[in-house]
Amino acid sequence: MFCLTPRRVRRALIPLIYLVFSAGMTVSSAAFYHNKPQDPDVRVATISDLMSPADNPHGYVVAIAALLATGILLVPAVLLFYRKVRKNSPKLAITGAGMFAFGLAAMISIGVLSPFVRDDTPLHFRLAHIAFLGICAGIACHLVAARATLPLVLAQCAVLAVLGYLYFGSEFFWNHSLLTSFAFLECILCLDFGVGLWGLAKHIELACAKE
């Protein structure tokens, strides 16, 4: 019988999640830019725009499918992380699991609602912020519970602090350049989540090996 382990999460599930998400968004981006100028502006290709029937009529289904698959595939990994860290740090484990639950629920809700809700509505923005904050906070809590290395924990906490700051009304995203675009932040967050999840699985794997 197949049994999910931290090693399998690190070596197979997380790479699979990244492959599904990246491939889906790449295919959706190709459709998004198909009828646009030869020099496409990457600043406008946010995940929300890729999932919008109005902005990406020929590729939004692929983007939605990739996001939903990512959220669903993350569920067993989160459950495994919770089970492995709750013995040593039950409060942090349940807090992290709760944050993950909020984040994944918001992520899946965005995918389900995208065909029916415009991507510039307050509801869409709130769900996107909750998704990013929840997943980031879940990773941070579980990293602390797993006694991960200090640089990894501090890096995740720094990302969480930035997300919290942006959530409360920062006007950082002027879109004047790539670095001040929301699309760039999304790319950084996706990379950070991948590194954080991989590092979490690695530290839990090492802890299990010592038991």
N, C-alpha and C. Protein backbone atom coordinates (compact mmCIF):
# COMPACT_ATOMS: atom_id res chain seq x y z
N MET A 1 0.83 -1.20 0.00
CA MET A 1 0.00 0.00 0.00
C MET A 1 0.87 1.26 0.00
N PHE A 2 0.53 2.21 -0.84
CA PHE A 2 1.33 3.42 -0.95
C PHE A 2 1.20 4.25 0.32
N CYS A 3 2.34 4.69 0.83
CA CYS A 3 2.37 5.51 2.04
C CYS A 3 3.17 6.78 1.75
N LEU A 4 2.56 7.93 1.97
CA LEU A 4 3.23 9.19 1.72
C LEU A 4 4.20 9.48 2.87
N THR A 5 5.42 9.77 2.52
CA THR A 5 6.47 10.06 3.50
C THR A 5 7.08 11.44 3.19
N PRO A 6 7.78 12.04 4.17
CA PRO A 6 8.44 13.32 3.89
C PRO A 6 9.39 13.23 2.69
N ARG A 7 10.08 12.10 2.54
CA ARG A 7 11.00 11.96 1.40
C ARG A 7 10.24 11.95 0.08
N ARG A 8 9.12 11.26 0.04
CA ARG A 8 8.32 11.23 -1.19
C ARG A 8 7.70 12.59 -1.48
N VAL A 9 7.33 13.31 -0.43
CA VAL A 9 6.83 14.66 -0.63
C VAL A 9 7.92 15.54 -1.24
N ARG A 10 9.12 15.43 -0.69
CA ARG A 10 10.23 16.27 -1.15
C ARG A 10 10.70 15.89 -2.55
N ARG A 11 10.78 14.60 -2.82
CA ARG A 11 11.36 14.15 -4.09
C ARG A 11 10.34 14.02 -5.22
N ALA A 12 9.09 13.81 -4.88
CA ALA A 12 8.09 13.55 -5.93
C ALA A 12 6.93 14.54 -5.93
N LEU A 13 6.27 14.70 -4.77
CA LEU A 13 5.04 15.50 -4.75
C LEU A 13 5.30 16.98 -5.01
N ILE A 14 6.28 17.56 -4.33
CA ILE A 14 6.55 18.98 -4.53
C ILE A 14 7.03 19.26 -5.96
N PRO A 15 7.96 18.45 -6.52
CA PRO A 15 8.31 18.67 -7.93
C PRO A 15 7.11 18.51 -8.87
N LEU A 16 6.22 17.55 -8.57
CA LEU A 16 5.02 17.36 -9.40
C LEU A 16 4.12 18.60 -9.33
N ILE A 17 3.94 19.13 -8.13
CA ILE A 17 3.12 20.33 -7.97
C ILE A 17 3.70 21.49 -8.77
N TYR A 18 5.01 21.66 -8.67
CA TYR A 18 5.66 22.74 -9.42
C TYR A 18 5.53 22.53 -10.92
N LEU A 19 5.65 21.29 -11.36
CA LEU A 19 5.54 20.99 -12.79
C LEU A 19 4.14 21.30 -13.29
N VAL A 20 3.13 20.86 -12.55
CA VAL A 20 1.74 21.09 -12.94
C VAL A 20 1.45 22.59 -13.00
N PHE A 21 1.85 23.31 -11.96
CA PHE A 21 1.58 24.75 -11.91
C PHE A 21 2.33 25.49 -13.00
N SER A 22 3.62 25.22 -13.14
CA SER A 22 4.44 25.94 -14.12
C SER A 22 3.99 25.64 -15.55
N ALA A 23 3.73 24.37 -15.83
CA ALA A 23 3.30 23.99 -17.18
C ALA A 23 1.95 24.62 -17.52
N GLY A 24 1.03 24.59 -16.57
CA GLY A 24 -0.28 25.18 -16.81
C GLY A 24 -0.20 26.67 -17.06
N MET A 25 0.57 27.38 -16.24
CA MET A 25 0.68 28.82 -16.40
C MET A 25 1.45 29.19 -17.67
N THR A 26 2.42 28.35 -18.06
CA THR A 26 3.16 28.61 -19.29
C THR A 26 2.25 28.47 -20.51
N VAL A 27 1.46 27.41 -20.54
CA VAL A 27 0.53 27.21 -21.65
C VAL A 27 -0.51 28.33 -21.69
N SER A 28 -1.01 28.71 -20.51
CA SER A 28 -1.98 29.79 -20.44
C SER A 28 -1.36 31.12 -20.88
N SER A 29 -0.11 31.37 -20.51
CA SER A 29 0.58 32.59 -20.92
C SER A 29 0.76 32.65 -22.43
N ALA A 30 1.05 31.50 -23.03
CA ALA A 30 1.21 31.47 -24.49
C ALA A 30 -0.09 31.90 -25.18
N ALA A 31 -1.22 31.43 -24.64
CA ALA A 31 -2.51 31.83 -25.20
C ALA A 31 -2.78 33.31 -24.91
N PHE A 32 -2.38 33.77 -23.73
CA PHE A 32 -2.59 35.17 -23.32
C PHE A 32 -1.87 36.14 -24.26
N TYR A 33 -0.64 35.80 -24.66
CA TYR A 33 0.17 36.68 -25.49
C TYR A 33 0.05 36.40 -26.99
N HIS A 34 -0.77 35.45 -27.36
CA HIS A 34 -0.83 35.01 -28.76
C HIS A 34 -1.11 36.16 -29.72
N ASN A 35 -2.07 36.99 -29.41
CA ASN A 35 -2.45 38.09 -30.31
C ASN A 35 -1.95 39.44 -29.85
N LYS A 36 -0.92 39.42 -28.98
CA LYS A 36 -0.36 40.67 -28.48
C LYS A 36 0.92 41.02 -29.25
N PRO A 37 1.48 42.23 -29.06
CA PRO A 37 2.68 42.64 -29.79
C PRO A 37 3.84 41.66 -29.63
N GLN A 38 4.81 41.76 -30.52
CA GLN A 38 5.95 40.85 -30.51
C GLN A 38 6.78 40.96 -29.24
N ASP A 39 6.75 42.13 -28.61
CA ASP A 39 7.51 42.34 -27.37
C ASP A 39 6.52 42.40 -26.21
N PRO A 40 6.09 41.25 -25.69
CA PRO A 40 5.04 41.23 -24.67
C PRO A 40 5.50 41.85 -23.35
N ASP A 41 4.59 42.49 -22.68
CA ASP A 41 4.87 43.11 -21.39
C ASP A 41 4.56 42.10 -20.29
N VAL A 42 5.60 41.55 -19.66
CA VAL A 42 5.39 40.50 -18.66
C VAL A 42 4.74 41.04 -17.39
N ARG A 43 4.71 42.36 -17.24
CA ARG A 43 4.13 42.94 -16.03
C ARG A 43 2.62 42.72 -15.95
N VAL A 44 1.99 42.49 -17.07
CA VAL A 44 0.52 42.38 -17.07
C VAL A 44 0.05 40.93 -16.93
N ALA A 45 0.96 39.99 -16.97
CA ALA A 45 0.57 38.58 -16.93
C ALA A 45 0.50 38.08 -15.49
N THR A 46 -0.43 38.62 -14.72
CA THR A 46 -0.63 38.11 -13.36
C THR A 46 -1.44 36.81 -13.43
N ILE A 47 -1.41 36.06 -12.36
CA ILE A 47 -2.17 34.81 -12.32
C ILE A 47 -3.66 35.11 -12.49
N SER A 48 -4.12 36.20 -11.89
CA SER A 48 -5.53 36.58 -12.01
C SER A 48 -5.90 36.85 -13.46
N ASP A 49 -5.04 37.56 -14.18
CA ASP A 49 -5.31 37.86 -15.59
C ASP A 49 -5.30 36.58 -16.43
N LEU A 50 -4.40 35.67 -16.12
CA LEU A 50 -4.35 34.42 -16.88
C LEU A 50 -5.61 33.59 -16.66
N MET A 51 -6.24 33.72 -15.49
CA MET A 51 -7.45 32.96 -15.19
C MET A 51 -8.73 33.68 -15.57
N SER A 52 -8.60 34.87 -16.15
CA SER A 52 -9.77 35.68 -16.47
C SER A 52 -10.31 35.35 -17.86
N PRO A 53 -11.59 34.97 -17.97
CA PRO A 53 -12.18 34.72 -19.30
C PRO A 53 -12.14 35.96 -20.19
N ALA A 54 -12.23 37.15 -19.59
CA ALA A 54 -12.21 38.38 -20.38
C ALA A 54 -10.82 38.69 -20.91
N ASP A 55 -9.79 38.52 -20.06
CA ASP A 55 -8.43 38.87 -20.46
C ASP A 55 -7.73 37.74 -21.22
N ASN A 56 -8.12 36.51 -20.95
CA ASN A 56 -7.44 35.36 -21.55
C ASN A 56 -8.47 34.32 -21.99
N PRO A 57 -9.30 34.66 -22.97
CA PRO A 57 -10.42 33.77 -23.34
C PRO A 57 -10.01 32.40 -23.84
N HIS A 58 -8.79 32.29 -24.39
CA HIS A 58 -8.36 31.01 -24.96
C HIS A 58 -7.45 30.21 -24.02
N GLY A 59 -7.11 30.79 -22.87
CA GLY A 59 -6.18 30.08 -21.99
C GLY A 59 -6.57 30.06 -20.53
N TYR A 60 -7.71 30.68 -20.20
CA TYR A 60 -8.06 30.77 -18.77
C TYR A 60 -8.39 29.42 -18.15
N VAL A 61 -8.96 28.51 -18.93
CA VAL A 61 -9.32 27.18 -18.40
C VAL A 61 -8.07 26.43 -17.95
N VAL A 62 -7.00 26.54 -18.72
CA VAL A 62 -5.74 25.85 -18.37
C VAL A 62 -5.17 26.42 -17.07
N ALA A 63 -5.18 27.75 -16.94
CA ALA A 63 -4.67 28.38 -15.73
C ALA A 63 -5.48 27.99 -14.50
N ILE A 64 -6.81 27.97 -14.65
CA ILE A 64 -7.68 27.57 -13.54
C ILE A 64 -7.41 26.12 -13.15
N ALA A 65 -7.29 25.25 -14.14
CA ALA A 65 -7.03 23.83 -13.87
C ALA A 65 -5.71 23.65 -13.13
N ALA A 66 -4.68 24.42 -13.54
CA ALA A 66 -3.37 24.32 -12.89
C ALA A 66 -3.44 24.78 -11.44
N LEU A 67 -4.17 25.88 -11.19
CA LEU A 67 -4.29 26.38 -9.82
C LEU A 67 -5.06 25.41 -8.94
N LEU A 68 -6.17 24.88 -9.45
CA LEU A 68 -6.96 23.92 -8.67
C LEU A 68 -6.16 22.66 -8.38
N ALA A 69 -5.44 22.16 -9.37
CA ALA A 69 -4.64 20.96 -9.18
C ALA A 69 -3.55 21.21 -8.14
N THR A 70 -2.96 22.40 -8.16
CA THR A 70 -1.92 22.74 -7.19
C THR A 70 -2.49 22.72 -5.78
N GLY A 71 -3.64 23.36 -5.59
CA GLY A 71 -4.26 23.38 -4.27
C GLY A 71 -4.62 22.00 -3.76
N ILE A 72 -5.18 21.17 -4.64
CA ILE A 72 -5.59 19.82 -4.25
C ILE A 72 -4.38 18.95 -3.93
N LEU A 73 -3.32 19.06 -4.74
CA LEU A 73 -2.12 18.25 -4.51
C LEU A 73 -1.38 18.66 -3.24
N LEU A 74 -1.55 19.90 -2.81
CA LEU A 74 -0.89 20.35 -1.58
C LEU A 74 -1.55 19.79 -0.33
N VAL A 75 -2.80 19.40 -0.41
CA VAL A 75 -3.54 18.94 0.78
C VAL A 75 -2.86 17.75 1.46
N PRO A 76 -2.51 16.67 0.75
CA PRO A 76 -1.86 15.55 1.45
C PRO A 76 -0.51 15.92 2.04
N ALA A 77 0.22 16.83 1.40
CA ALA A 77 1.50 17.26 1.94
C ALA A 77 1.31 18.00 3.26
N VAL A 78 0.31 18.89 3.30
CA VAL A 78 0.02 19.65 4.52
C VAL A 78 -0.41 18.72 5.65
N LEU A 79 -1.24 17.75 5.35
CA LEU A 79 -1.68 16.80 6.38
C LEU A 79 -0.49 16.01 6.93
N LEU A 80 0.42 15.64 6.04
CA LEU A 80 1.62 14.91 6.49
C LEU A 80 2.48 15.79 7.39
N PHE A 81 2.71 17.04 6.98
CA PHE A 81 3.51 17.95 7.79
C PHE A 81 2.90 18.10 9.18
N TYR A 82 1.60 18.27 9.23
CA TYR A 82 0.92 18.45 10.52
C TYR A 82 1.12 17.22 11.41
N ARG A 83 0.92 16.04 10.86
CA ARG A 83 1.06 14.82 11.66
C ARG A 83 2.47 14.65 12.21
N LYS A 84 3.45 15.07 11.43
CA LYS A 84 4.84 14.84 11.83
C LYS A 84 5.34 15.85 12.86
N VAL A 85 4.79 17.07 12.89
CA VAL A 85 5.31 18.08 13.82
C VAL A 85 4.44 18.28 15.05
N ARG A 86 3.24 17.68 15.08
CA ARG A 86 2.32 17.98 16.18
C ARG A 86 2.79 17.38 17.50
N LYS A 87 3.63 16.32 17.46
CA LYS A 87 4.09 15.72 18.72
C LYS A 87 4.97 16.67 19.51
N ASN A 88 5.87 17.34 18.82
CA ASN A 88 6.81 18.23 19.49
C ASN A 88 6.25 19.63 19.73
N SER A 89 5.42 20.10 18.82
CA SER A 89 4.88 21.46 18.93
C SER A 89 3.41 21.47 18.53
N PRO A 90 2.54 20.95 19.39
CA PRO A 90 1.12 20.83 19.01
C PRO A 90 0.45 22.16 18.69
N LYS A 91 0.77 23.23 19.44
CA LYS A 91 0.13 24.52 19.21
C LYS A 91 0.56 25.12 17.87
N LEU A 92 1.86 25.07 17.60
CA LEU A 92 2.36 25.58 16.33
C LEU A 92 1.83 24.75 15.16
N ALA A 93 1.74 23.43 15.39
CA ALA A 93 1.26 22.54 14.34
C ALA A 93 -0.19 22.85 13.97
N ILE A 94 -1.04 23.02 14.96
CA ILE A 94 -2.45 23.29 14.68
C ILE A 94 -2.62 24.69 14.10
N THR A 95 -1.81 25.64 14.56
CA THR A 95 -1.86 26.99 14.00
C THR A 95 -1.43 26.97 12.53
N GLY A 96 -0.34 26.27 12.25
CA GLY A 96 0.13 26.18 10.88
C GLY A 96 -0.86 25.47 9.98
N ALA A 97 -1.46 24.40 10.49
CA ALA A 97 -2.45 23.67 9.70
C ALA A 97 -3.66 24.55 9.42
N GLY A 98 -4.06 25.35 10.42
CA GLY A 98 -5.19 26.25 10.21
C GLY A 98 -4.88 27.31 9.16
N MET A 99 -3.66 27.86 9.20
CA MET A 99 -3.25 28.85 8.20
C MET A 99 -3.22 28.23 6.81
N PHE A 100 -2.67 27.03 6.73
CA PHE A 100 -2.67 26.32 5.45
C PHE A 100 -4.09 26.12 4.94
N ALA A 101 -4.99 25.74 5.84
CA ALA A 101 -6.37 25.48 5.44
C ALA A 101 -7.02 26.74 4.87
N PHE A 102 -6.81 27.89 5.54
CA PHE A 102 -7.34 29.16 5.02
C PHE A 102 -6.76 29.47 3.65
N GLY A 103 -5.44 29.31 3.54
CA GLY A 103 -4.78 29.63 2.28
C GLY A 103 -5.22 28.74 1.13
N LEU A 104 -5.29 27.45 1.37
CA LEU A 104 -5.69 26.51 0.31
C LEU A 104 -7.16 26.68 -0.04
N ALA A 105 -8.00 26.94 0.96
CA ALA A 105 -9.42 27.18 0.69
C ALA A 105 -9.59 28.41 -0.18
N ALA A 106 -8.82 29.47 0.11
CA ALA A 106 -8.90 30.69 -0.70
C ALA A 106 -8.38 30.43 -2.11
N MET A 107 -7.30 29.67 -2.23
CA MET A 107 -6.75 29.35 -3.54
C MET A 107 -7.76 28.58 -4.40
N ILE A 108 -8.36 27.57 -3.82
CA ILE A 108 -9.34 26.77 -4.56
C ILE A 108 -10.57 27.60 -4.89
N SER A 109 -10.96 28.48 -3.96
CA SER A 109 -12.12 29.36 -4.22
C SER A 109 -11.85 30.29 -5.40
N ILE A 110 -10.64 30.80 -5.50
CA ILE A 110 -10.29 31.67 -6.63
C ILE A 110 -10.47 30.92 -7.94
N GLY A 111 -9.98 29.67 -7.97
CA GLY A 111 -10.11 28.88 -9.18
C GLY A 111 -11.56 28.61 -9.55
N VAL A 112 -12.38 28.29 -8.54
CA VAL A 112 -13.78 27.99 -8.80
C VAL A 112 -14.55 29.23 -9.24
N LEU A 113 -14.23 30.38 -8.63
CA LEU A 113 -14.99 31.60 -8.89
C LEU A 113 -14.50 32.39 -10.10
N SER A 114 -13.28 32.14 -10.56
CA SER A 114 -12.69 32.95 -11.63
C SER A 114 -13.56 33.06 -12.89
N PRO A 115 -14.24 32.00 -13.33
CA PRO A 115 -15.07 32.17 -14.53
C PRO A 115 -16.28 33.08 -14.33
N PHE A 116 -16.61 33.36 -13.06
CA PHE A 116 -17.84 34.10 -12.78
C PHE A 116 -17.60 35.46 -12.13
N VAL A 117 -16.37 35.72 -11.62
CA VAL A 117 -16.07 36.95 -10.90
C VAL A 117 -14.91 37.65 -11.60
N ARG A 118 -15.06 38.95 -11.83
CA ARG A 118 -13.98 39.72 -12.45
C ARG A 118 -12.76 39.75 -11.54
N ASP A 119 -11.56 39.73 -12.17
CA ASP A 119 -10.34 39.66 -11.39
C ASP A 119 -9.97 40.97 -10.69
N ASP A 120 -10.73 42.05 -10.93
CA ASP A 120 -10.43 43.32 -10.26
C ASP A 120 -11.44 43.65 -9.16
N THR A 121 -12.23 42.67 -8.74
CA THR A 121 -13.21 42.90 -7.67
C THR A 121 -12.54 42.77 -6.31
N PRO A 122 -13.08 43.45 -5.28
CA PRO A 122 -12.52 43.33 -3.92
C PRO A 122 -12.48 41.88 -3.43
N LEU A 123 -13.50 41.08 -3.77
CA LEU A 123 -13.53 39.69 -3.34
C LEU A 123 -12.33 38.93 -3.88
N HIS A 124 -12.03 39.13 -5.15
CA HIS A 124 -10.91 38.43 -5.77
C HIS A 124 -9.59 38.83 -5.10
N PHE A 125 -9.40 40.13 -4.87
CA PHE A 125 -8.18 40.60 -4.24
C PHE A 125 -8.04 40.04 -2.82
N ARG A 126 -9.12 40.03 -2.07
CA ARG A 126 -9.07 39.52 -0.70
C ARG A 126 -8.73 38.03 -0.69
N LEU A 127 -9.34 37.27 -1.57
CA LEU A 127 -9.05 35.84 -1.63
C LEU A 127 -7.59 35.60 -2.01
N ALA A 128 -7.07 36.39 -2.93
CA ALA A 128 -5.67 36.24 -3.34
C ALA A 128 -4.74 36.53 -2.17
N HIS A 129 -5.02 37.60 -1.41
CA HIS A 129 -4.19 37.92 -0.26
C HIS A 129 -4.27 36.83 0.80
N ILE A 130 -5.48 36.32 1.05
CA ILE A 130 -5.66 35.26 2.05
C ILE A 130 -4.90 34.01 1.62
N ALA A 131 -4.94 33.70 0.33
CA ALA A 131 -4.23 32.52 -0.16
C ALA A 131 -2.74 32.64 0.08
N PHE A 132 -2.17 33.79 -0.30
CA PHE A 132 -0.73 33.98 -0.13
C PHE A 132 -0.35 34.02 1.35
N LEU A 133 -1.11 34.79 2.15
CA LEU A 133 -0.81 34.90 3.57
C LEU A 133 -0.95 33.56 4.29
N GLY A 134 -2.04 32.84 3.97
CA GLY A 134 -2.28 31.57 4.65
C GLY A 134 -1.20 30.54 4.38
N ILE A 135 -0.83 30.39 3.12
CA ILE A 135 0.20 29.41 2.78
C ILE A 135 1.54 29.80 3.37
N CYS A 136 1.88 31.09 3.28
CA CYS A 136 3.15 31.56 3.83
C CYS A 136 3.20 31.37 5.35
N ALA A 137 2.12 31.72 6.04
CA ALA A 137 2.07 31.55 7.49
C ALA A 137 2.11 30.08 7.89
N GLY A 138 1.43 29.23 7.11
CA GLY A 138 1.46 27.80 7.39
C GLY A 138 2.86 27.24 7.27
N ILE A 139 3.57 27.63 6.23
CA ILE A 139 4.96 27.18 6.06
C ILE A 139 5.81 27.67 7.22
N ALA A 140 5.67 28.95 7.59
CA ALA A 140 6.48 29.52 8.66
C ALA A 140 6.25 28.79 9.99
N CYS A 141 4.99 28.57 10.35
CA CYS A 141 4.67 27.88 11.61
C CYS A 141 5.24 26.47 11.64
N HIS A 142 5.09 25.76 10.55
CA HIS A 142 5.58 24.38 10.51
C HIS A 142 7.10 24.32 10.45
N LEU A 143 7.74 25.32 9.84
CA LEU A 143 9.21 25.36 9.86
C LEU A 143 9.72 25.53 11.29
N VAL A 144 9.08 26.42 12.05
CA VAL A 144 9.48 26.61 13.45
C VAL A 144 9.23 25.33 14.24
N ALA A 145 8.07 24.71 14.02
CA ALA A 145 7.74 23.47 14.74
C ALA A 145 8.70 22.35 14.39
N ALA A 146 9.19 22.34 13.15
CA ALA A 146 10.11 21.30 12.72
C ALA A 146 11.56 21.62 13.08
N ARG A 147 11.77 22.74 13.76
CA ARG A 147 13.10 23.19 14.16
C ARG A 147 14.03 23.32 12.95
N ALA A 148 13.52 23.98 11.94
CA ALA A 148 14.31 24.20 10.73
C ALA A 148 15.43 25.20 11.01
N THR A 149 16.36 25.31 10.07
CA THR A 149 17.49 26.22 10.24
C THR A 149 17.00 27.66 10.34
N LEU A 150 17.72 28.46 11.11
CA LEU A 150 17.30 29.84 11.37
C LEU A 150 17.18 30.67 10.08
N PRO A 151 18.12 30.58 9.13
CA PRO A 151 17.97 31.39 7.91
C PRO A 151 16.68 31.07 7.14
N LEU A 152 16.31 29.80 7.09
CA LEU A 152 15.09 29.42 6.37
C LEU A 152 13.86 29.97 7.08
N VAL A 153 13.85 29.88 8.41
CA VAL A 153 12.72 30.41 9.18
C VAL A 153 12.63 31.93 9.05
N LEU A 154 13.77 32.61 9.17
CA LEU A 154 13.77 34.07 9.07
C LEU A 154 13.36 34.54 7.68
N ALA A 155 13.79 33.83 6.65
CA ALA A 155 13.42 34.20 5.29
C ALA A 155 11.90 34.11 5.10
N GLN A 156 11.31 33.03 5.62
CA GLN A 156 9.87 32.86 5.48
C GLN A 156 9.11 33.89 6.30
N CYS A 157 9.62 34.19 7.48
CA CYS A 157 8.97 35.21 8.31
C CYS A 157 9.07 36.59 7.65
N ALA A 158 10.19 36.86 6.98
CA ALA A 158 10.35 38.14 6.28
C ALA A 158 9.33 38.26 5.14
N VAL A 159 9.14 37.18 4.40
CA VAL A 159 8.15 37.18 3.32
C VAL A 159 6.75 37.39 3.91
N LEU A 160 6.48 36.74 5.03
CA LEU A 160 5.18 36.89 5.68
C LEU A 160 4.96 38.34 6.14
N ALA A 161 6.01 38.97 6.66
CA ALA A 161 5.91 40.36 7.10
C ALA A 161 5.61 41.28 5.91
N VAL A 162 6.26 41.04 4.79
CA VAL A 162 6.01 41.85 3.59
C VAL A 162 4.57 41.68 3.12
N LEU A 163 4.09 40.44 3.12
CA LEU A 163 2.71 40.18 2.71
C LEU A 163 1.72 40.87 3.65
N GLY A 164 2.00 40.82 4.94
CA GLY A 164 1.15 41.50 5.90
C GLY A 164 1.13 43.00 5.68
N TYR A 165 2.29 43.56 5.39
CA TYR A 165 2.38 45.00 5.12
C TYR A 165 1.59 45.37 3.87
N LEU A 166 1.73 44.58 2.82
CA LEU A 166 1.02 44.85 1.57
C LEU A 166 -0.49 44.67 1.71
N TYR A 167 -0.89 43.75 2.58
CA TYR A 167 -2.31 43.47 2.77
C TYR A 167 -3.07 44.69 3.29
N PHE A 168 -2.37 45.51 4.09
CA PHE A 168 -3.05 46.64 4.72
C PHE A 168 -2.87 47.94 3.93
N GLY A 169 -2.89 47.82 2.61
CA GLY A 169 -3.06 49.01 1.79
C GLY A 169 -1.83 49.66 1.24
N SER A 170 -0.72 48.98 1.14
CA SER A 170 0.46 49.60 0.55
C SER A 170 0.23 49.89 -0.94
N GLU A 171 0.76 51.02 -1.41
CA GLU A 171 0.66 51.38 -2.82
C GLU A 171 1.98 51.08 -3.54
N PHE A 172 2.56 49.94 -3.25
CA PHE A 172 3.87 49.60 -3.81
C PHE A 172 3.79 49.29 -5.30
N PHE A 173 2.69 48.70 -5.74
CA PHE A 173 2.62 48.19 -7.11
C PHE A 173 2.24 49.27 -8.11
N TRP A 174 3.23 50.11 -8.44
CA TRP A 174 3.00 51.17 -9.42
C TRP A 174 3.00 50.60 -10.84
N ASN A 175 3.65 49.45 -11.02
CA ASN A 175 3.74 48.82 -12.34
C ASN A 175 4.61 49.62 -13.31
N HIS A 176 5.47 50.49 -12.76
CA HIS A 176 6.36 51.26 -13.61
C HIS A 176 7.48 50.39 -14.17
N SER A 177 7.81 49.34 -13.45
CA SER A 177 8.88 48.44 -13.89
C SER A 177 8.52 47.04 -13.45
N LEU A 178 9.34 46.08 -13.90
CA LEU A 178 9.08 44.69 -13.53
C LEU A 178 9.12 44.50 -12.01
N LEU A 179 10.07 45.18 -11.35
CA LEU A 179 10.25 45.00 -9.90
C LEU A 179 9.08 45.57 -9.09
N THR A 180 8.33 46.49 -9.66
CA THR A 180 7.18 47.06 -8.94
C THR A 180 5.86 46.55 -9.51
N SER A 181 5.89 45.39 -10.12
CA SER A 181 4.67 44.79 -10.68
C SER A 181 4.21 43.65 -9.79
N PHE A 182 2.91 43.44 -9.76
CA PHE A 182 2.35 42.35 -8.97
C PHE A 182 2.73 40.99 -9.56
N ALA A 183 2.90 40.94 -10.88
CA ALA A 183 3.30 39.70 -11.53
C ALA A 183 4.66 39.24 -11.02
N PHE A 184 5.58 40.20 -10.81
CA PHE A 184 6.91 39.86 -10.29
C PHE A 184 6.80 39.31 -8.87
N LEU A 185 5.97 39.96 -8.03
CA LEU A 185 5.79 39.47 -6.67
C LEU A 185 5.23 38.05 -6.66
N GLU A 186 4.29 37.77 -7.55
CA GLU A 186 3.72 36.42 -7.61
C GLU A 186 4.79 35.40 -7.95
N CYS A 187 5.68 35.73 -8.87
CA CYS A 187 6.77 34.81 -9.22
C CYS A 187 7.67 34.55 -8.03
N ILE A 188 8.02 35.62 -7.30
CA ILE A 188 8.88 35.48 -6.12
C ILE A 188 8.19 34.63 -5.06
N LEU A 189 6.89 34.86 -4.86
CA LEU A 189 6.16 34.09 -3.85
C LEU A 189 6.08 32.62 -4.23
N CYS A 190 5.86 32.32 -5.49
CA CYS A 190 5.80 30.93 -5.93
C CYS A 190 7.14 30.23 -5.71
N LEU A 191 8.23 30.93 -6.00
CA LEU A 191 9.55 30.37 -5.74
C LEU A 191 9.78 30.17 -4.24
N ASP A 192 9.39 31.17 -3.47
CA ASP A 192 9.55 31.08 -2.01
C ASP A 192 8.76 29.92 -1.43
N PHE A 193 7.52 29.75 -1.89
CA PHE A 193 6.70 28.65 -1.38
C PHE A 193 7.32 27.31 -1.73
N GLY A 194 7.86 27.19 -2.94
CA GLY A 194 8.50 25.94 -3.33
C GLY A 194 9.70 25.63 -2.45
N VAL A 195 10.55 26.63 -2.23
CA VAL A 195 11.73 26.44 -1.38
C VAL A 195 11.31 26.13 0.06
N GLY A 196 10.31 26.87 0.56
CA GLY A 196 9.85 26.64 1.93
C GLY A 196 9.27 25.26 2.13
N LEU A 197 8.45 24.81 1.21
CA LEU A 197 7.85 23.47 1.31
C LEU A 197 8.91 22.38 1.20
N TRP A 198 9.84 22.56 0.27
CA TRP A 198 10.91 21.58 0.11
C TRP A 198 11.77 21.52 1.36
N GLY A 199 12.12 22.70 1.90
CA GLY A 199 12.94 22.73 3.11
C GLY A 199 12.21 22.14 4.29
N LEU A 200 10.93 22.39 4.40
CA LEU A 200 10.13 21.81 5.49
C LEU A 200 10.12 20.29 5.40
N ALA A 201 9.87 19.77 4.20
CA ALA A 201 9.87 18.32 4.02
C ALA A 201 11.24 17.72 4.36
N LYS A 202 12.32 18.43 3.99
CA LYS A 202 13.67 17.96 4.28
C LYS A 202 13.93 17.89 5.77
N HIS A 203 13.55 18.93 6.51
CA HIS A 203 13.80 18.94 7.96
C HIS A 203 12.95 17.89 8.68
N ILE A 204 11.72 17.69 8.23
CA ILE A 204 10.88 16.65 8.83
C ILE A 204 11.45 15.27 8.52
N GLU A 205 11.95 15.11 7.31
CA GLU A 205 12.59 13.83 6.93
C GLU A 205 13.79 13.54 7.82
N LEU A 206 14.62 14.55 8.07
CA LEU A 206 15.79 14.36 8.93
C LEU A 206 15.40 14.04 10.36
N ALA A 207 14.33 14.71 10.83
CA ALA A 207 13.86 14.46 12.19
C ALA A 207 13.33 13.04 12.34
N CYS A 208 12.62 12.56 11.31
CA CYS A 208 12.08 11.19 11.34
C CYS A 208 13.20 10.17 11.31
N ALA A 209 14.27 10.47 10.62
CA ALA A 209 15.40 9.54 10.54
C ALA A 209 16.10 9.37 11.87
N LYS A 210 16.02 10.39 12.74
CA LYS A 210 16.66 10.33 14.04
C LYS A 210 15.83 9.58 15.07
N GLU A 211 14.54 9.38 14.79
CA GLU A 211 13.66 8.74 15.76
C GLU A 211 13.90 7.23 15.80
